[in-house]
All heavy atoms as atom14 arrays in JSON, in Angstrom:
{
  "sequence": "NSLNAIDEELISAARVLGASQWRTLAAVVFPLSLPGLVAAGLIVFIL",
  "atom14_mask": [
    [1, 1, 1, 1, 1, 1, 1, 1, 0, 0, 0, 0, 0, 0],
    [1, 1, 1, 1, 1, 1, 0, 0, 0, 0, 0, 0, 0, 0],
    [1, 1, 1, 1, 1, 1, 1, 1, 0, 0, 0, 0, 0, 0],
    [1, 1, 1, 1, 1, 1, 1, 1, 0, 0, 0, 0, 0, 0],
    [1, 1, 1, 1, 1, 0, 0, 0, 0, 0, 0, 0, 0, 0],
    [1, 1, 1, 1, 1, 1, 1, 1, 0, 0, 0, 0, 0, 0],
    [1, 1, 1, 1, 1, 1, 1, 1, 0, 0, 0, 0, 0, 0],
    [1, 1, 1, 1, 1, 1, 1, 1, 1, 0, 0, 0, 0, 0],
    [1, 1, 1, 1, 1, 1, 1, 1, 1, 0, 0, 0, 0, 0],
    [1, 1, 1, 1, 1, 1, 1, 1, 0, 0, 0, 0, 0, 0],
    [1, 1, 1, 1, 1, 1, 1, 1, 0, 0, 0, 0, 0, 0],
    [1, 1, 1, 1, 1, 1, 0, 0, 0, 0, 0, 0, 0, 0],
    [1, 1, 1, 1, 1, 0, 0, 0, 0, 0, 0, 0, 0, 0],
    [1, 1, 1, 1, 1, 0, 0, 0, 0, 0, 0, 0, 0, 0],
    [1, 1, 1, 1, 1, 1, 1, 1, 1, 1, 1, 0, 0, 0],
    [1, 1, 1, 1, 1, 1, 1, 0, 0, 0, 0, 0, 0, 0],
    [1, 1, 1, 1, 1, 1, 1, 1, 0, 0, 0, 0, 0, 0],
    [1, 1, 1, 1, 0, 0, 0, 0, 0, 0, 0, 0, 0, 0],
    [1, 1, 1, 1, 1, 0, 0, 0, 0, 0, 0, 0, 0, 0],
    [1, 1, 1, 1, 1, 1, 0, 0, 0, 0, 0, 0, 0, 0],
    [1, 1, 1, 1, 1, 1, 1, 1, 1, 0, 0, 0, 0, 0],
    [1, 1, 1, 1, 1, 1, 1, 1, 1, 1, 1, 1, 1, 1],
    [1, 1, 1, 1, 1, 1, 1, 1, 1, 1, 1, 0, 0, 0],
    [1, 1, 1, 1, 1, 1, 1, 0, 0, 0, 0, 0, 0, 0],
    [1, 1, 1, 1, 1, 1, 1, 1, 0, 0, 0, 0, 0, 0],
    [1, 1, 1, 1, 1, 0, 0, 0, 0, 0, 0, 0, 0, 0],
    [1, 1, 1, 1, 1, 0, 0, 0, 0, 0, 0, 0, 0, 0],
    [1, 1, 1, 1, 1, 1, 1, 0, 0, 0, 0, 0, 0, 0],
    [1, 1, 1, 1, 1, 1, 1, 0, 0, 0, 0, 0, 0, 0],
    [1, 1, 1, 1, 1, 1, 1, 1, 1, 1, 1, 0, 0, 0],
    [1, 1, 1, 1, 1, 1, 1, 0, 0, 0, 0, 0, 0, 0],
    [1, 1, 1, 1, 1, 1, 1, 1, 0, 0, 0, 0, 0, 0],
    [1, 1, 1, 1, 1, 1, 0, 0, 0, 0, 0, 0, 0, 0],
    [1, 1, 1, 1, 1, 1, 1, 1, 0, 0, 0, 0, 0, 0],
    [1, 1, 1, 1, 1, 1, 1, 0, 0, 0, 0, 0, 0, 0],
    [1, 1, 1, 1, 0, 0, 0, 0, 0, 0, 0, 0, 0, 0],
    [1, 1, 1, 1, 1, 1, 1, 1, 0, 0, 0, 0, 0, 0],
    [1, 1, 1, 1, 1, 1, 1, 0, 0, 0, 0, 0, 0, 0],
    [1, 1, 1, 1, 1, 0, 0, 0, 0, 0, 0, 0, 0, 0],
    [1, 1, 1, 1, 1, 0, 0, 0, 0, 0, 0, 0, 0, 0],
    [1, 1, 1, 1, 0, 0, 0, 0, 0, 0, 0, 0, 0, 0],
    [1, 1, 1, 1, 1, 1, 1, 1, 0, 0, 0, 0, 0, 0],
    [1, 1, 1, 1, 1, 1, 1, 1, 0, 0, 0, 0, 0, 0],
    [1, 1, 1, 1, 1, 1, 1, 0, 0, 0, 0, 0, 0, 0],
    [1, 1, 1, 1, 1, 1, 1, 1, 1, 1, 1, 0, 0, 0],
    [1, 1, 1, 1, 1, 1, 1, 1, 0, 0, 0, 0, 0, 0],
    [1, 1, 1, 1, 1, 1, 1, 1, 0, 0, 0, 0, 0, 0]
  ],
  "atom14_positions": [
    [[0.83, -1.18, 0.0], [0.01, 0.01, 0.0], [0.82, 1.28, 0.02], [0.58, 2.24, -0.71], [-0.97, 0.01, 1.22], [-2.0, 1.06, 1.12], [-2.67, 1.24, 0.1], [-2.28, 1.8, 2.2], [0.0, 0.0, 0.0], [0.0, 0.0, 0.0], [0.0, 0.0, 0.0], [0.0, 0.0, 0.0], [0.0, 0.0, 0.0], [0.0, 0.0, 0.0]],
    [[1.98, 1.26, 0.78], [2.89, 2.4, 0.81], [3.62, 2.51, -0.48], [3.81, 3.67, -1.02], [3.83, 2.28, 1.97], [3.25, 2.46, 3.23], [0.0, 0.0, 0.0], [0.0, 0.0, 0.0], [0.0, 0.0, 0.0], [0.0, 0.0, 0.0], [0.0, 0.0, 0.0], [0.0, 0.0, 0.0], [0.0, 0.0, 0.0], [0.0, 0.0, 0.0]],
    [[4.07, 1.46, -1.1], [4.83, 1.48, -2.28], [3.88, 1.97, -3.45], [4.29, 2.7, -4.31], [5.42, 0.18, -2.63], [6.63, -0.32, -1.78], [6.98, -1.74, -2.07], [7.8, 0.59, -2.01], [0.0, 0.0, 0.0], [0.0, 0.0, 0.0], [0.0, 0.0, 0.0], [0.0, 0.0, 0.0], [0.0, 0.0, 0.0], [0.0, 0.0, 0.0]],
    [[2.7, 1.47, -3.49], [1.77, 1.81, -4.54], [1.38, 3.25, -4.49], [0.9, 3.83, -5.53], [0.55, 0.88, -4.4], [-0.34, 0.93, -5.69], [0.18, 0.86, -6.8], [-1.6, 1.09, -5.48], [0.0, 0.0, 0.0], [0.0, 0.0, 0.0], [0.0, 0.0, 0.0], [0.0, 0.0, 0.0], [0.0, 0.0, 0.0], [0.0, 0.0, 0.0]],
    [[1.43, 3.89, -3.3], [1.02, 5.27, -3.14], [2.11, 6.22, -3.6], [1.91, 7.49, -3.63], [0.6, 5.55, -1.69], [0.0, 0.0, 0.0], [0.0, 0.0, 0.0], [0.0, 0.0, 0.0], [0.0, 0.0, 0.0], [0.0, 0.0, 0.0], [0.0, 0.0, 0.0], [0.0, 0.0, 0.0], [0.0, 0.0, 0.0], [0.0, 0.0, 0.0]],
    [[3.37, 5.76, -3.85], [4.4, 6.66, -4.29], [4.2, 7.23, -5.64], [3.84, 6.52, -6.58], [5.77, 5.93, -4.28], [6.05, 5.43, -2.83], [6.89, 6.81, -4.75], [7.3, 4.59, -2.68], [0.0, 0.0, 0.0], [0.0, 0.0, 0.0], [0.0, 0.0, 0.0], [0.0, 0.0, 0.0], [0.0, 0.0, 0.0], [0.0, 0.0, 0.0]],
    [[4.33, 8.52, -5.76], [4.14, 9.15, -6.98], [5.25, 8.74, -7.97], [6.39, 8.98, -7.67], [4.08, 10.73, -6.8], [3.65, 11.47, -8.05], [3.59, 10.83, -9.17], [3.36, 12.63, -7.95], [0.0, 0.0, 0.0], [0.0, 0.0, 0.0], [0.0, 0.0, 0.0], [0.0, 0.0, 0.0], [0.0, 0.0, 0.0], [0.0, 0.0, 0.0]],
    [[4.93, 8.21, -9.17], [5.89, 7.78, -10.17], [6.66, 8.88, -10.66], [7.82, 8.71, -11.14], [5.2, 7.01, -11.22], [4.58, 5.69, -10.79], [4.03, 4.9, -11.99], [4.18, 5.41, -13.09], [3.41, 3.85, -11.75], [0.0, 0.0, 0.0], [0.0, 0.0, 0.0], [0.0, 0.0, 0.0], [0.0, 0.0, 0.0], [0.0, 0.0, 0.0]],
    [[6.17, 10.12, -10.59], [6.95, 11.27, -11.09], [8.15, 11.51, -10.25], [9.2, 12.0, -10.76], [6.03, 12.47, -11.13], [4.89, 12.48, -12.17], [4.16, 13.75, -12.19], [4.48, 14.68, -11.52], [3.18, 13.84, -13.03], [0.0, 0.0, 0.0], [0.0, 0.0, 0.0], [0.0, 0.0, 0.0], [0.0, 0.0, 0.0], [0.0, 0.0, 0.0]],
    [[8.13, 11.18, -8.93], [9.28, 11.35, -8.02], [10.36, 10.37, -8.49], [11.56, 10.71, -8.48], [8.89, 11.12, -6.6], [7.86, 12.12, -5.98], [7.47, 11.68, -4.58], [8.47, 13.53, -5.99], [0.0, 0.0, 0.0], [0.0, 0.0, 0.0], [0.0, 0.0, 0.0], [0.0, 0.0, 0.0], [0.0, 0.0, 0.0], [0.0, 0.0, 0.0]],
    [[9.95, 9.17, -8.8], [10.94, 8.19, -9.28], [11.57, 8.58, -10.6], [12.76, 8.5, -10.83], [10.27, 6.74, -9.38], [9.7, 6.41, -7.99], [11.25, 5.73, -9.88], [8.98, 5.06, -8.03], [0.0, 0.0, 0.0], [0.0, 0.0, 0.0], [0.0, 0.0, 0.0], [0.0, 0.0, 0.0], [0.0, 0.0, 0.0], [0.0, 0.0, 0.0]],
    [[10.7, 9.06, -11.46], [11.2, 9.5, -12.81], [12.11, 10.7, -12.65], [13.14, 10.78, -13.35], [9.99, 9.89, -13.67], [9.1, 8.79, -13.91], [0.0, 0.0, 0.0], [0.0, 0.0, 0.0], [0.0, 0.0, 0.0], [0.0, 0.0, 0.0], [0.0, 0.0, 0.0], [0.0, 0.0, 0.0], [0.0, 0.0, 0.0], [0.0, 0.0, 0.0]],
    [[11.81, 11.65, -11.77], [12.68, 12.79, -11.54], [14.03, 12.36, -11.04], [15.07, 12.88, -11.48], [11.98, 13.72, -10.61], [0.0, 0.0, 0.0], [0.0, 0.0, 0.0], [0.0, 0.0, 0.0], [0.0, 0.0, 0.0], [0.0, 0.0, 0.0], [0.0, 0.0, 0.0], [0.0, 0.0, 0.0], [0.0, 0.0, 0.0], [0.0, 0.0, 0.0]],
    [[14.04, 11.4, -10.11], [15.34, 10.88, -9.59], [16.18, 10.24, -10.7], [17.37, 10.5, -10.8], [15.11, 9.93, -8.42], [0.0, 0.0, 0.0], [0.0, 0.0, 0.0], [0.0, 0.0, 0.0], [0.0, 0.0, 0.0], [0.0, 0.0, 0.0], [0.0, 0.0, 0.0], [0.0, 0.0, 0.0], [0.0, 0.0, 0.0], [0.0, 0.0, 0.0]],
    [[15.52, 9.45, -11.57], [16.25, 8.86, -12.68], [16.77, 9.92, -13.68], [17.91, 9.78, -14.2], [15.41, 7.81, -13.42], [14.89, 6.72, -12.47], [16.09, 5.97, -11.82], [16.92, 5.33, -12.78], [16.77, 4.17, -13.33], [15.74, 3.39, -12.93], [17.61, 3.62, -14.22], [0.0, 0.0, 0.0], [0.0, 0.0, 0.0], [0.0, 0.0, 0.0]],
    [[15.95, 10.95, -13.9], [16.34, 11.97, -14.89], [17.57, 12.8, -14.3], [18.44, 13.21, -15.05], [15.16, 12.94, -15.11], [15.64, 14.2, -15.88], [14.09, 12.23, -15.93], [0.0, 0.0, 0.0], [0.0, 0.0, 0.0], [0.0, 0.0, 0.0], [0.0, 0.0, 0.0], [0.0, 0.0, 0.0], [0.0, 0.0, 0.0], [0.0, 0.0, 0.0]],
    [[17.57, 12.97, -13.0], [18.68, 13.66, -12.41], [19.97, 12.82, -12.27], [20.94, 13.29, -11.66], [18.22, 14.17, -11.0], [17.18, 15.27, -11.02], [16.73, 15.54, -9.57], [17.73, 16.53, -11.68], [0.0, 0.0, 0.0], [0.0, 0.0, 0.0], [0.0, 0.0, 0.0], [0.0, 0.0, 0.0], [0.0, 0.0, 0.0], [0.0, 0.0, 0.0]],
    [[19.9, 11.6, -12.7], [21.11, 10.8, -12.78], [21.27, 9.72, -11.77], [22.26, 9.06, -11.73], [0.0, 0.0, 0.0], [0.0, 0.0, 0.0], [0.0, 0.0, 0.0], [0.0, 0.0, 0.0], [0.0, 0.0, 0.0], [0.0, 0.0, 0.0], [0.0, 0.0, 0.0], [0.0, 0.0, 0.0], [0.0, 0.0, 0.0], [0.0, 0.0, 0.0]],
    [[20.26, 9.57, -10.88], [20.29, 8.52, -9.86], [20.16, 7.25, -10.51], [19.32, 6.96, -11.39], [19.21, 8.76, -8.81], [0.0, 0.0, 0.0], [0.0, 0.0, 0.0], [0.0, 0.0, 0.0], [0.0, 0.0, 0.0], [0.0, 0.0, 0.0], [0.0, 0.0, 0.0], [0.0, 0.0, 0.0], [0.0, 0.0, 0.0], [0.0, 0.0, 0.0]],
    [[20.96, 6.25, -10.05], [20.81, 4.89, -10.51], [19.62, 4.21, -9.93], [18.92, 4.76, -9.03], [22.06, 4.06, -10.15], [22.2, 3.97, -8.68], [0.0, 0.0, 0.0], [0.0, 0.0, 0.0], [0.0, 0.0, 0.0], [0.0, 0.0, 0.0], [0.0, 0.0, 0.0], [0.0, 0.0, 0.0], [0.0, 0.0, 0.0], [0.0, 0.0, 0.0]],
    [[19.3, 2.96, -10.33], [18.07, 2.26, -9.77], [18.26, 2.13, -8.3], [17.29, 2.23, -7.52], [17.92, 1.01, -10.52], [16.6, 0.28, -10.12], [16.38, -0.98, -11.02], [17.05, -1.25, -11.93], [15.29, -1.66, -10.64], [0.0, 0.0, 0.0], [0.0, 0.0, 0.0], [0.0, 0.0, 0.0], [0.0, 0.0, 0.0], [0.0, 0.0, 0.0]],
    [[19.47, 1.67, -7.87], [19.7, 1.39, -6.45], [19.7, 2.72, -5.7], [19.17, 2.71, -4.51], [21.02, 0.68, -6.26], [21.03, -0.72, -6.77], [21.58, -1.23, -7.9], [20.3, -1.86, -6.12], [21.32, -2.59, -7.97], [20.56, -2.97, -6.91], [19.55, -1.98, -4.95], [20.04, -4.25, -6.57], [19.0, -3.19, -4.66], [19.28, -4.32, -5.45]],
    [[20.25, 3.76, -6.23], [20.21, 5.03, -5.57], [18.73, 5.57, -5.43], [18.4, 6.13, -4.37], [21.07, 6.08, -6.3], [21.11, 7.47, -5.79], [21.7, 7.53, -4.42], [21.81, 8.86, -3.89], [22.21, 9.16, -2.64], [22.52, 8.17, -1.81], [22.21, 10.43, -2.25], [0.0, 0.0, 0.0], [0.0, 0.0, 0.0], [0.0, 0.0, 0.0]],
    [[17.94, 5.37, -6.47], [16.57, 5.79, -6.35], [15.76, 5.03, -5.3], [15.03, 5.54, -4.57], [15.91, 5.56, -7.72], [16.62, 6.37, -8.77], [14.47, 6.04, -7.71], [0.0, 0.0, 0.0], [0.0, 0.0, 0.0], [0.0, 0.0, 0.0], [0.0, 0.0, 0.0], [0.0, 0.0, 0.0], [0.0, 0.0, 0.0], [0.0, 0.0, 0.0]],
    [[16.09, 3.7, -5.24], [15.46, 2.88, -4.23], [15.81, 3.33, -2.85], [14.96, 3.42, -1.94], [15.86, 1.4, -4.46], [15.46, 0.39, -3.4], [13.89, 0.36, -3.31], [16.0, -0.94, -3.6], [0.0, 0.0, 0.0], [0.0, 0.0, 0.0], [0.0, 0.0, 0.0], [0.0, 0.0, 0.0], [0.0, 0.0, 0.0], [0.0, 0.0, 0.0]],
    [[17.15, 3.6, -2.61], [17.61, 4.0, -1.31], [17.23, 5.37, -0.84], [16.81, 5.64, 0.34], [19.08, 3.86, -1.19], [0.0, 0.0, 0.0], [0.0, 0.0, 0.0], [0.0, 0.0, 0.0], [0.0, 0.0, 0.0], [0.0, 0.0, 0.0], [0.0, 0.0, 0.0], [0.0, 0.0, 0.0], [0.0, 0.0, 0.0], [0.0, 0.0, 0.0]],
    [[17.17, 6.36, -1.83], [16.94, 7.73, -1.47], [15.5, 8.17, -1.65], [15.05, 9.18, -1.05], [17.84, 8.65, -2.29], [0.0, 0.0, 0.0], [0.0, 0.0, 0.0], [0.0, 0.0, 0.0], [0.0, 0.0, 0.0], [0.0, 0.0, 0.0], [0.0, 0.0, 0.0], [0.0, 0.0, 0.0], [0.0, 0.0, 0.0], [0.0, 0.0, 0.0]],
    [[14.71, 7.45, -2.47], [13.31, 7.91, -2.77], [12.31, 6.86, -2.37], [11.44, 7.14, -1.55], [13.15, 8.28, -4.25], [11.76, 8.63, -4.57], [14.15, 9.3, -4.73], [0.0, 0.0, 0.0], [0.0, 0.0, 0.0], [0.0, 0.0, 0.0], [0.0, 0.0, 0.0], [0.0, 0.0, 0.0], [0.0, 0.0, 0.0], [0.0, 0.0, 0.0]],
    [[12.41, 5.66, -2.89], [11.41, 4.62, -2.7], [11.39, 4.21, -1.2], [10.34, 4.2, -0.59], [11.66, 3.44, -3.62], [10.6, 2.34, -3.32], [11.55, 3.9, -5.07], [0.0, 0.0, 0.0], [0.0, 0.0, 0.0], [0.0, 0.0, 0.0], [0.0, 0.0, 0.0], [0.0, 0.0, 0.0], [0.0, 0.0, 0.0], [0.0, 0.0, 0.0]],
    [[12.54, 3.8, -0.69], [12.56, 3.29, 0.71], [12.06, 4.28, 1.69], [11.2, 3.88, 2.54], [13.93, 2.76, 1.03], [14.01, 2.11, 2.35], [13.52, 0.84, 2.63], [14.51, 2.85, 3.44], [13.6, 0.22, 3.88], [14.58, 2.2, 4.73], [14.13, 0.92, 4.91], [0.0, 0.0, 0.0], [0.0, 0.0, 0.0], [0.0, 0.0, 0.0]],
    [[12.58, 5.54, 1.72], [11.98, 6.38, 2.72], [10.52, 6.7, 2.64], [9.85, 6.76, 3.63], [12.82, 7.79, 2.43], [14.0, 7.29, 1.75], [13.63, 6.13, 0.97], [0.0, 0.0, 0.0], [0.0, 0.0, 0.0], [0.0, 0.0, 0.0], [0.0, 0.0, 0.0], [0.0, 0.0, 0.0], [0.0, 0.0, 0.0], [0.0, 0.0, 0.0]],
    [[9.97, 6.74, 1.39], [8.54, 6.95, 1.31], [7.67, 5.75, 1.63], [6.5, 5.87, 1.92], [8.24, 7.38, -0.2], [8.78, 8.74, -0.65], [8.53, 8.98, -2.13], [8.23, 9.81, 0.22], [0.0, 0.0, 0.0], [0.0, 0.0, 0.0], [0.0, 0.0, 0.0], [0.0, 0.0, 0.0], [0.0, 0.0, 0.0], [0.0, 0.0, 0.0]],
    [[8.3, 4.55, 1.63], [7.64, 3.4, 2.05], [7.8, 2.97, 3.43], [7.23, 1.94, 3.91], [8.1, 2.19, 1.12], [9.4, 1.9, 1.37], [0.0, 0.0, 0.0], [0.0, 0.0, 0.0], [0.0, 0.0, 0.0], [0.0, 0.0, 0.0], [0.0, 0.0, 0.0], [0.0, 0.0, 0.0], [0.0, 0.0, 0.0], [0.0, 0.0, 0.0]],
    [[8.51, 3.77, 4.18], [8.88, 3.45, 5.58], [7.59, 3.34, 6.46], [7.53, 2.52, 7.35], [9.8, 4.47, 6.17], [10.47, 4.17, 7.47], [11.28, 2.86, 7.32], [11.39, 5.31, 7.93], [0.0, 0.0, 0.0], [0.0, 0.0, 0.0], [0.0, 0.0, 0.0], [0.0, 0.0, 0.0], [0.0, 0.0, 0.0], [0.0, 0.0, 0.0]],
    [[6.56, 4.2, 6.34], [5.3, 3.98, 7.19], [4.76, 2.6, 7.0], [4.35, 1.98, 7.98], [4.36, 5.05, 6.55], [5.25, 6.12, 6.08], [6.44, 5.44, 5.46], [0.0, 0.0, 0.0], [0.0, 0.0, 0.0], [0.0, 0.0, 0.0], [0.0, 0.0, 0.0], [0.0, 0.0, 0.0], [0.0, 0.0, 0.0], [0.0, 0.0, 0.0]],
    [[4.66, 2.06, 5.78], [4.13, 0.73, 5.58], [5.02, -0.3, 6.19], [4.56, -1.33, 6.74], [0.0, 0.0, 0.0], [0.0, 0.0, 0.0], [0.0, 0.0, 0.0], [0.0, 0.0, 0.0], [0.0, 0.0, 0.0], [0.0, 0.0, 0.0], [0.0, 0.0, 0.0], [0.0, 0.0, 0.0], [0.0, 0.0, 0.0], [0.0, 0.0, 0.0]],
    [[6.38, -0.15, 6.11], [7.3, -1.07, 6.66], [7.2, -1.08, 8.23], [7.25, -2.12, 8.81], [8.71, -0.61, 6.23], [9.77, -1.64, 6.41], [9.62, -2.87, 5.57], [11.21, -1.03, 6.18], [0.0, 0.0, 0.0], [0.0, 0.0, 0.0], [0.0, 0.0, 0.0], [0.0, 0.0, 0.0], [0.0, 0.0, 0.0], [0.0, 0.0, 0.0]],
    [[7.05, 0.04, 8.79], [6.93, 0.16, 10.25], [5.6, -0.53, 10.7], [5.59, -1.27, 11.71], [6.97, 1.59, 10.73], [6.7, 1.71, 12.21], [8.39, 2.18, 10.47], [0.0, 0.0, 0.0], [0.0, 0.0, 0.0], [0.0, 0.0, 0.0], [0.0, 0.0, 0.0], [0.0, 0.0, 0.0], [0.0, 0.0, 0.0], [0.0, 0.0, 0.0]],
    [[4.55, -0.23, 10.06], [3.23, -0.8, 10.37], [3.26, -2.33, 10.22], [2.81, -3.02, 11.09], [2.19, -0.18, 9.51], [0.0, 0.0, 0.0], [0.0, 0.0, 0.0], [0.0, 0.0, 0.0], [0.0, 0.0, 0.0], [0.0, 0.0, 0.0], [0.0, 0.0, 0.0], [0.0, 0.0, 0.0], [0.0, 0.0, 0.0], [0.0, 0.0, 0.0]],
    [[3.89, -2.77, 9.19], [4.05, -4.24, 8.95], [4.84, -4.89, 10.06], [4.49, -5.94, 10.58], [4.59, -4.55, 7.62], [0.0, 0.0, 0.0], [0.0, 0.0, 0.0], [0.0, 0.0, 0.0], [0.0, 0.0, 0.0], [0.0, 0.0, 0.0], [0.0, 0.0, 0.0], [0.0, 0.0, 0.0], [0.0, 0.0, 0.0], [0.0, 0.0, 0.0]],
    [[5.94, -4.22, 10.45], [6.81, -4.82, 11.48], [6.06, -4.92, 12.84], [6.18, -5.88, 13.55], [0.0, 0.0, 0.0], [0.0, 0.0, 0.0], [0.0, 0.0, 0.0], [0.0, 0.0, 0.0], [0.0, 0.0, 0.0], [0.0, 0.0, 0.0], [0.0, 0.0, 0.0], [0.0, 0.0, 0.0], [0.0, 0.0, 0.0], [0.0, 0.0, 0.0]],
    [[5.26, -3.83, 13.07], [4.51, -3.82, 14.31], [3.53, -4.95, 14.36], [3.32, -5.71, 15.34], [3.79, -2.49, 14.52], [2.98, -2.25, 15.82], [3.86, -2.25, 16.96], [2.22, -0.97, 15.69], [0.0, 0.0, 0.0], [0.0, 0.0, 0.0], [0.0, 0.0, 0.0], [0.0, 0.0, 0.0], [0.0, 0.0, 0.0], [0.0, 0.0, 0.0]],
    [[2.77, -5.21, 13.28], [1.76, -6.26, 13.19], [2.38, -7.59, 13.33], [1.99, -8.44, 14.1], [0.97, -6.13, 11.89], [0.19, -4.85, 11.86], [0.09, -7.28, 11.71], [-0.45, -4.5, 10.51], [0.0, 0.0, 0.0], [0.0, 0.0, 0.0], [0.0, 0.0, 0.0], [0.0, 0.0, 0.0], [0.0, 0.0, 0.0], [0.0, 0.0, 0.0]],
    [[3.47, -7.87, 12.61], [4.1, -9.19, 12.6], [4.7, -9.45, 13.96], [4.63, -10.59, 14.41], [5.15, -9.22, 11.43], [5.95, -10.5, 11.57], [4.47, -9.11, 10.08], [0.0, 0.0, 0.0], [0.0, 0.0, 0.0], [0.0, 0.0, 0.0], [0.0, 0.0, 0.0], [0.0, 0.0, 0.0], [0.0, 0.0, 0.0], [0.0, 0.0, 0.0]],
    [[5.3, -8.49, 14.56], [5.96, -8.71, 15.82], [4.95, -9.11, 16.94], [5.13, -10.03, 17.71], [6.75, -7.47, 16.31], [7.27, -7.53, 17.69], [8.43, -8.25, 17.96], [6.71, -6.99, 18.78], [8.97, -8.46, 19.23], [7.11, -7.15, 20.09], [8.33, -7.86, 20.3], [0.0, 0.0, 0.0], [0.0, 0.0, 0.0], [0.0, 0.0, 0.0]],
    [[3.87, -8.38, 17.0], [2.78, -8.64, 17.95], [2.23, -10.08, 17.72], [2.06, -10.87, 18.68], [1.65, -7.65, 17.91], [2.16, -6.29, 18.36], [0.5, -8.06, 18.75], [1.19, -5.19, 18.19], [0.0, 0.0, 0.0], [0.0, 0.0, 0.0], [0.0, 0.0, 0.0], [0.0, 0.0, 0.0], [0.0, 0.0, 0.0], [0.0, 0.0, 0.0]],
    [[1.99, -10.44, 16.49], [1.43, -11.78, 16.2], [2.44, -12.87, 16.48], [2.15, -13.97, 17.03], [1.02, -11.81, 14.77], [-0.19, -10.94, 14.36], [-0.37, -11.0, 12.81], [-1.38, -11.39, 15.06], [0.0, 0.0, 0.0], [0.0, 0.0, 0.0], [0.0, 0.0, 0.0], [0.0, 0.0, 0.0], [0.0, 0.0, 0.0], [0.0, 0.0, 0.0]]
  ]
}
């Protein structure tokens, strides 16, 4: 849900500015998906 909500224009802008795929993942995709990651971790840990 968090990954799907990321605006693709942000990813495209990062690639246009010269960021590699891994750099885009680390600097754009992962920080924006952190809320979903934290929520998932909380749910799984409790269960």
